[in-house]
Amino acid sequence: MTELLEKALAEVERLPDSEQDAIAALILEELADEERWGEAFARSQDALARMAAKAEEDFNAGRVVRKGFDEI
């Protein structure tokens, strides 16, 4: 465990049980979200590769017009 995490947990230990549970729930929710994001990203690699290939094809064929953010 890192020093920063140890410090944070020491602070959390000083809180009432209900607040400790609320913080624990937030941490667990964040970890679950990260896992879901990683799984979704892993599943999307084929689609992302196809979109990148299509974008490159369109660019090379001259079907892409360069514009700045203020021109969109």
PDB file of N, CA and C in Angstrom:
ATOM      1  N   MET A   1       0.847  -1.165   0.000  1.00  0.00           N
ATOM      2  CA  MET A   1       0.000   0.000   0.000  1.00  0.00           C
ATOM      3  C   MET A   1       0.897   1.235   0.000  1.00  0.00           C
ATOM      4  N   THR A   2       0.488   2.230  -0.761  1.00  0.00           N
ATOM      5  CA  THR A   2       1.298   3.443  -0.835  1.00  0.00           C
ATOM      6  C   THR A   2       1.143   4.282   0.425  1.00  0.00           C
ATOM      7  N   GLU A   3       2.090   5.165   0.602  1.00  0.00           N
ATOM      8  CA  GLU A   3       2.065   6.055   1.765  1.00  0.00           C
ATOM      9  C   GLU A   3       0.841   6.974   1.724  1.00  0.00           C
ATOM     10  N   LEU A   4       0.514   7.449   0.532  1.00  0.00           N
ATOM     11  CA  LEU A   4      -0.639   8.344   0.401  1.00  0.00           C
ATOM     12  C   LEU A   4      -1.938   7.619   0.735  1.00  0.00           C
ATOM     13  N   LEU A   5      -2.084   6.385   0.256  1.00  0.00           N
ATOM     14  CA  LEU A   5      -3.290   5.626   0.569  1.00  0.00           C
ATOM     15  C   LEU A   5      -3.376   5.331   2.055  1.00  0.00           C
ATOM     16  N   GLU A   6      -2.244   5.000   2.664  1.00  0.00           N
ATOM     17  CA  GLU A   6      -2.228   4.777   4.118  1.00  0.00           C
ATOM     18  C   GLU A   6      -2.670   6.028   4.864  1.00  0.00           C
ATOM     19  N   LYS A   7      -2.202   7.197   4.431  1.00  0.00           N
ATOM     20  CA  LYS A   7      -2.592   8.453   5.063  1.00  0.00           C
ATOM     21  C   LYS A   7      -4.086   8.690   4.909  1.00  0.00           C
ATOM     22  N   ALA A   8      -4.608   8.458   3.708  1.00  0.00           N
ATOM     23  CA  ALA A   8      -6.035   8.657   3.460  1.00  0.00           C
ATOM     24  C   ALA A   8      -6.873   7.720   4.325  1.00  0.00           C
ATOM     25  N   LEU A   9      -6.470   6.469   4.404  1.00  0.00           N
ATOM     26  CA  LEU A   9      -7.224   5.507   5.206  1.00  0.00           C
ATOM     27  C   LEU A   9      -7.155   5.834   6.690  1.00  0.00           C
ATOM     28  N   ALA A  10      -6.045   6.362   7.143  1.00  0.00           N
ATOM     29  CA  ALA A  10      -5.929   6.778   8.545  1.00  0.00           C
ATOM     30  C   ALA A  10      -6.910   7.901   8.838  1.00  0.00           C
ATOM     31  N   GLU A  11      -7.066   8.809   7.894  1.00  0.00           N
ATOM     32  CA  GLU A  11      -8.037   9.891   8.057  1.00  0.00           C
ATOM     33  C   GLU A  11      -9.463   9.351   8.051  1.00  0.00           C
ATOM     34  N   VAL A  12      -9.726   8.417   7.168  1.00  0.00           N
ATOM     35  CA  VAL A  12     -11.065   7.825   7.078  1.00  0.00           C
ATOM     36  C   VAL A  12     -11.408   7.093   8.373  1.00  0.00           C
ATOM     37  N   GLU A  13     -10.425   6.456   8.978  1.00  0.00           N
ATOM     38  CA  GLU A  13     -10.667   5.720  10.229  1.00  0.00           C
ATOM     39  C   GLU A  13     -11.170   6.622  11.348  1.00  0.00           C
ATOM     40  N   ARG A  14     -10.891   7.898  11.264  1.00  0.00           N
ATOM     41  CA  ARG A  14     -11.324   8.850  12.298  1.00  0.00           C
ATOM     42  C   ARG A  14     -12.794   9.244  12.152  1.00  0.00           C
ATOM     43  N   LEU A  15     -13.373   8.949  11.008  1.00  0.00           N
ATOM     44  CA  LEU A  15     -14.757   9.347  10.734  1.00  0.00           C
ATOM     45  C   LEU A  15     -15.746   8.377  11.369  1.00  0.00           C
ATOM     46  N   PRO A  16     -16.983   8.826  11.539  1.00  0.00           N
ATOM     47  CA  PRO A  16     -18.028   7.911  12.017  1.00  0.00           C
ATOM     48  C   PRO A  16     -18.243   6.765  11.025  1.00  0.00           C
ATOM     49  N   ASP A  17     -18.766   5.659  11.516  1.00  0.00           N
ATOM     50  CA  ASP A  17     -18.960   4.470  10.682  1.00  0.00           C
ATOM     51  C   ASP A  17     -19.762   4.764   9.413  1.00  0.00           C
ATOM     52  N   SER A  18     -20.792   5.557   9.520  1.00  0.00           N
ATOM     53  CA  SER A  18     -21.628   5.842   8.345  1.00  0.00           C
ATOM     54  C   SER A  18     -20.825   6.563   7.258  1.00  0.00           C
ATOM     55  N   GLU A  19     -19.962   7.480   7.660  1.00  0.00           N
ATOM     56  CA  GLU A  19     -19.132   8.185   6.679  1.00  0.00           C
ATOM     57  C   GLU A  19     -18.056   7.265   6.118  1.00  0.00           C
ATOM     58  N   GLN A  20     -17.515   6.386   6.939  1.00  0.00           N
ATOM     59  CA  GLN A  20     -16.551   5.402   6.444  1.00  0.00           C
ATOM     60  C   GLN A  20     -17.202   4.521   5.386  1.00  0.00           C
ATOM     61  N   ASP A  21     -18.425   4.087   5.664  1.00  0.00           N
ATOM     62  CA  ASP A  21     -19.137   3.241   4.700  1.00  0.00           C
ATOM     63  C   ASP A  21     -19.410   3.994   3.400  1.00  0.00           C
ATOM     64  N   ALA A  22     -19.755   5.262   3.506  1.00  0.00           N
ATOM     65  CA  ALA A  22     -20.019   6.056   2.304  1.00  0.00           C
ATOM     66  C   ALA A  22     -18.758   6.186   1.454  1.00  0.00           C
ATOM     67  N   ILE A  23     -17.626   6.436   2.091  1.00  0.00           N
ATOM     68  CA  ILE A  23     -16.361   6.546   1.355  1.00  0.00           C
ATOM     69  C   ILE A  23     -15.972   5.199   0.758  1.00  0.00           C
ATOM     70  N   ALA A  24     -16.159   4.130   1.520  1.00  0.00           N
ATOM     71  CA  ALA A  24     -15.854   2.793   1.009  1.00  0.00           C
ATOM     72  C   ALA A  24     -16.718   2.476  -0.211  1.00  0.00           C
ATOM     73  N   ALA A  25     -17.997   2.844  -0.157  1.00  0.00           N
ATOM     74  CA  ALA A  25     -18.893   2.602  -1.292  1.00  0.00           C
ATOM     75  C   ALA A  25     -18.433   3.371  -2.523  1.00  0.00           C
ATOM     76  N   LEU A  26     -17.990   4.615  -2.332  1.00  0.00           N
ATOM     77  CA  LEU A  26     -17.476   5.415  -3.456  1.00  0.00           C
ATOM     78  C   LEU A  26     -16.231   4.778  -4.071  1.00  0.00           C
ATOM     79  N   ILE A  27     -15.337   4.321  -3.225  1.00  0.00           N
ATOM     80  CA  ILE A  27     -14.106   3.693  -3.718  1.00  0.00           C
ATOM     81  C   ILE A  27     -14.438   2.421  -4.490  1.00  0.00           C
ATOM     82  N   LEU A  28     -15.299   1.593  -3.939  1.00  0.00           N
ATOM     83  CA  LEU A  28     -15.670   0.340  -4.616  1.00  0.00           C
ATOM     84  C   LEU A  28     -16.385   0.613  -5.927  1.00  0.00           C
ATOM     85  N   GLU A  29     -17.237   1.633  -5.948  1.00  0.00           N
ATOM     86  CA  GLU A  29     -17.936   2.003  -7.186  1.00  0.00           C
ATOM     87  C   GLU A  29     -16.939   2.465  -8.244  1.00  0.00           C
ATOM     88  N   GLU A  30     -15.974   3.267  -7.838  1.00  0.00           N
ATOM     89  CA  GLU A  30     -14.947   3.752  -8.773  1.00  0.00           C
ATOM     90  C   GLU A  30     -14.119   2.599  -9.335  1.00  0.00           C
ATOM     91  N   LEU A  31     -13.753   1.663  -8.489  1.00  0.00           N
ATOM     92  CA  LEU A  31     -12.987   0.498  -8.949  1.00  0.00           C
ATOM     93  C   LEU A  31     -13.798  -0.339  -9.933  1.00  0.00           C
ATOM     94  N   ALA A  32     -15.078  -0.516  -9.656  1.00  0.00           N
ATOM     95  CA  ALA A  32     -15.942  -1.271 -10.561  1.00  0.00           C
ATOM     96  C   ALA A  32     -16.088  -0.540 -11.895  1.00  0.00           C
ATOM     97  N   ASP A  33     -16.223   0.794 -11.851  1.00  0.00           N
ATOM     98  CA  ASP A  33     -16.309   1.577 -13.090  1.00  0.00           C
ATOM     99  C   ASP A  33     -15.043   1.428 -13.924  1.00  0.00           C
ATOM    100  N   GLU A  34     -13.896   1.466 -13.275  1.00  0.00           N
ATOM    101  CA  GLU A  34     -12.629   1.308 -13.986  1.00  0.00           C
ATOM    102  C   GLU A  34     -12.542  -0.060 -14.651  1.00  0.00           C
ATOM    103  N   GLU A  35     -13.008  -1.085 -13.951  1.00  0.00           N
ATOM    104  CA  GLU A  35     -12.981  -2.426 -14.527  1.00  0.00           C
ATOM    105  C   GLU A  35     -13.916  -2.510 -15.735  1.00  0.00           C
ATOM    106  N   ARG A  36     -15.118  -1.935 -15.602  1.00  0.00           N
ATOM    107  CA  ARG A  36     -16.060  -1.950 -16.739  1.00  0.00           C
ATOM    108  C   ARG A  36     -15.490  -1.183 -17.925  1.00  0.00           C
ATOM    109  N   TRP A  37     -14.848  -0.037 -17.668  1.00  0.00           N
ATOM    110  CA  TRP A  37     -14.255   0.749 -18.740  1.00  0.00           C
ATOM    111  C   TRP A  37     -13.163  -0.063 -19.438  1.00  0.00           C
ATOM    112  N   GLY A  38     -12.314  -0.717 -18.665  1.00  0.00           N
ATOM    113  CA  GLY A  38     -11.249  -1.519 -19.257  1.00  0.00           C
ATOM    114  C   GLY A  38     -11.783  -2.636 -20.125  1.00  0.00           C
ATOM    115  N   GLU A  39     -12.838  -3.289 -19.661  1.00  0.00           N
ATOM    116  CA  GLU A  39     -13.450  -4.367 -20.440  1.00  0.00           C
ATOM    117  C   GLU A  39     -14.087  -3.821 -21.715  1.00  0.00           C
ATOM    118  N   ALA A  40     -14.796  -2.703 -21.610  1.00  0.00           N
ATOM    119  CA  ALA A  40     -15.434  -2.105 -22.785  1.00  0.00           C
ATOM    120  C   ALA A  40     -14.386  -1.649 -23.795  1.00  0.00           C
ATOM    121  N   PHE A  41     -13.314  -1.058 -23.320  1.00  0.00           N
ATOM    122  CA  PHE A  41     -12.256  -0.600 -24.220  1.00  0.00           C
ATOM    123  C   PHE A  41     -11.614  -1.782 -24.929  1.00  0.00           C
ATOM    124  N   ALA A  42     -11.378  -2.860 -24.201  1.00  0.00           N
ATOM    125  CA  ALA A  42     -10.780  -4.054 -24.809  1.00  0.00           C
ATOM    126  C   ALA A  42     -11.684  -4.626 -25.899  1.00  0.00           C
ATOM    127  N   ARG A  43     -12.990  -4.594 -25.664  1.00  0.00           N
ATOM    128  CA  ARG A  43     -13.937  -5.125 -26.657  1.00  0.00           C
ATOM    129  C   ARG A  43     -14.070  -4.218 -27.870  1.00  0.00           C
ATOM    130  N   SER A  44     -13.684  -2.969 -27.762  1.00  0.00           N
ATOM    131  CA  SER A  44     -13.893  -2.004 -28.848  1.00  0.00           C
ATOM    132  C   SER A  44     -12.718  -1.907 -29.812  1.00  0.00           C
ATOM    133  N   GLN A  45     -11.652  -2.640 -29.594  1.00  0.00           N
ATOM    134  CA  GLN A  45     -10.446  -2.469 -30.402  1.00  0.00           C
ATOM    135  C   GLN A  45     -10.674  -2.730 -31.884  1.00  0.00           C
ATOM    136  N   ASP A  46     -11.453  -3.753 -32.224  1.00  0.00           N
ATOM    137  CA  ASP A  46     -11.712  -4.031 -33.641  1.00  0.00           C
ATOM    138  C   ASP A  46     -12.475  -2.883 -34.294  1.00  0.00           C
ATOM    139  N   ALA A  47     -13.498  -2.383 -33.616  1.00  0.00           N
ATOM    140  CA  ALA A  47     -14.271  -1.272 -34.164  1.00  0.00           C
ATOM    141  C   ALA A  47     -13.409  -0.024 -34.299  1.00  0.00           C
ATOM    142  N   LEU A  48     -12.583   0.253 -33.308  1.00  0.00           N
ATOM    143  CA  LEU A  48     -11.704   1.418 -33.386  1.00  0.00           C
ATOM    144  C   LEU A  48     -10.709   1.293 -34.539  1.00  0.00           C
ATOM    145  N   ALA A  49     -10.192   0.100 -34.750  1.00  0.00           N
ATOM    146  CA  ALA A  49      -9.252  -0.120 -35.858  1.00  0.00           C
ATOM    147  C   ALA A  49      -9.949   0.096 -37.197  1.00  0.00           C
ATOM    148  N   ARG A  50     -11.200  -0.374 -37.316  1.00  0.00           N
ATOM    149  CA  ARG A  50     -11.950  -0.170 -38.569  1.00  0.00           C
ATOM    150  C   ARG A  50     -12.217   1.322 -38.811  1.00  0.00           C
ATOM    151  N   MET A  51     -12.583   2.050 -37.755  1.00  0.00           N
ATOM    152  CA  MET A  51     -12.836   3.485 -37.911  1.00  0.00           C
ATOM    153  C   MET A  51     -11.559   4.232 -38.286  1.00  0.00           C
ATOM    154  N   ALA A  52     -10.439   3.848 -37.690  1.00  0.00           N
ATOM    155  CA  ALA A  52      -9.169   4.491 -38.018  1.00  0.00           C
ATOM    156  C   ALA A  52      -8.784   4.221 -39.466  1.00  0.00           C
ATOM    157  N   ALA A  53      -8.982   2.993 -39.918  1.00  0.00           N
ATOM    158  CA  ALA A  53      -8.667   2.645 -41.311  1.00  0.00           C
ATOM    159  C   ALA A  53      -9.555   3.431 -42.270  1.00  0.00           C
ATOM    160  N   LYS A  54     -10.836   3.576 -41.935  1.00  0.00           N
ATOM    161  CA  LYS A  54     -11.759   4.334 -42.787  1.00  0.00           C
ATOM    162  C   LYS A  54     -11.370   5.806 -42.810  1.00  0.00           C
ATOM    163  N   ALA A  55     -10.996   6.358 -41.678  1.00  0.00           N
ATOM    164  CA  ALA A  55     -10.578   7.763 -41.625  1.00  0.00           C
ATOM    165  C   ALA A  55      -9.321   7.978 -42.464  1.00  0.00           C
ATOM    166  N   GLU A  56      -8.376   7.054 -42.365  1.00  0.00           N
ATOM    167  CA  GLU A  56      -7.151   7.162 -43.162  1.00  0.00           C
ATOM    168  C   GLU A  56      -7.467   7.041 -44.649  1.00  0.00           C
ATOM    169  N   GLU A  57      -8.354   6.130 -44.992  1.00  0.00           N
ATOM    170  CA  GLU A  57      -8.765   5.955 -46.398  1.00  0.00           C
ATOM    171  C   GLU A  57      -9.412   7.240 -46.924  1.00  0.00           C
ATOM    172  N   ASP A  58     -10.324   7.823 -46.138  1.00  0.00           N
ATOM    173  CA  ASP A  58     -10.979   9.064 -46.550  1.00  0.00           C
ATOM    174  C   ASP A  58      -9.973  10.199 -46.700  1.00  0.00           C
ATOM    175  N   PHE A  59      -9.021  10.285 -45.787  1.00  0.00           N
ATOM    176  CA  PHE A  59      -8.004  11.329 -45.855  1.00  0.00           C
ATOM    177  C   PHE A  59      -7.154  11.160 -47.114  1.00  0.00           C
ATOM    178  N   ASN A  60      -6.690   9.929 -47.344  1.00  0.00           N
ATOM    179  CA  ASN A  60      -5.844   9.670 -48.506  1.00  0.00           C
ATOM    180  C   ASN A  60      -6.578   9.871 -49.821  1.00  0.00           C
ATOM    181  N   ALA A  61      -7.895   9.681 -49.824  1.00  0.00           N
ATOM    182  CA  ALA A  61      -8.693   9.861 -51.040  1.00  0.00           C
ATOM    183  C   ALA A  61      -9.124  11.312 -51.222  1.00  0.00           C
ATOM    184  N   GLY A  62      -8.739  12.186 -50.324  1.00  0.00           N
ATOM    185  CA  GLY A  62      -9.077  13.598 -50.454  1.00  0.00           C
ATOM    186  C   GLY A  62     -10.497  13.934 -50.028  1.00  0.00           C
ATOM    187  N   ARG A  63     -11.134  13.050 -49.287  1.00  0.00           N
ATOM    188  CA  ARG A  63     -12.513  13.298 -48.844  1.00  0.00           C
ATOM    189  C   ARG A  63     -12.570  13.993 -47.487  1.00  0.00           C
ATOM    190  N   VAL A  64     -11.431  14.470 -47.014  1.00  0.00           N
ATOM    191  CA  VAL A  64     -11.362  15.122 -45.711  1.00  0.00           C
ATOM    192  C   VAL A  64     -10.966  16.573 -45.915  1.00  0.00           C
ATOM    193  N   VAL A  65     -11.666  17.460 -45.250  1.00  0.00           N
ATOM    194  CA  VAL A  65     -11.361  18.877 -45.321  1.00  0.00           C
ATOM    195  C   VAL A  65     -10.837  19.299 -43.953  1.00  0.00           C
ATOM    196  N   ARG A  66      -9.642  19.852 -43.948  1.00  0.00           N
ATOM    197  CA  ARG A  66      -9.059  20.318 -42.681  1.00  0.00           C
ATOM    198  C   ARG A  66      -9.754  21.604 -42.253  1.00  0.00           C
ATOM    199  N   LYS A  67     -10.140  21.657 -40.965  1.00  0.00           N
ATOM    200  CA  LYS A  67     -10.762  22.848 -40.414  1.00  0.00           C
ATOM    201  C   LYS A  67     -10.267  23.029 -38.990  1.00  0.00           C
ATOM    202  N   GLY A  68     -10.161  24.262 -38.590  1.00  0.00           N
ATOM    203  CA  GLY A  68      -9.826  24.576 -37.205  1.00  0.00           C
ATOM    204  C   GLY A  68     -11.082  24.532 -36.349  1.00  0.00           C
ATOM    205  N   PHE A  69     -10.914  24.573 -35.053  1.00  0.00           N
ATOM    206  CA  PHE A  69     -12.048  24.514 -34.147  1.00  0.00           C
ATOM    207  C   PHE A  69     -13.032  25.654 -34.379  1.00  0.00           C
ATOM    208  N   ASP A  70     -12.522  26.816 -34.753  1.00  0.00           N
ATOM    209  CA  ASP A  70     -13.392  27.960 -34.981  1.00  0.00           C
ATOM    210  C   ASP A  70     -14.140  27.884 -36.314  1.00  0.00           C
ATOM    211  N   GLU A  71     -13.850  26.872 -37.128  1.00  0.00           N
ATOM    212  CA  GLU A  71     -14.495  26.712 -38.425  1.00  0.00           C
ATOM    213  C   GLU A  71     -15.518  25.569 -38.439  1.00  0.00           C
ATOM    214  N   ILE A  72     -15.630  24.872 -37.371  1.00  0.00           N
ATOM    215  CA  ILE A  72     -16.518  23.709 -37.336  1.00  0.00           C
ATOM    216  C   ILE A  72     -17.954  24.145 -37.196  1.00  0.00           C
TER     217      ILE A  72
END
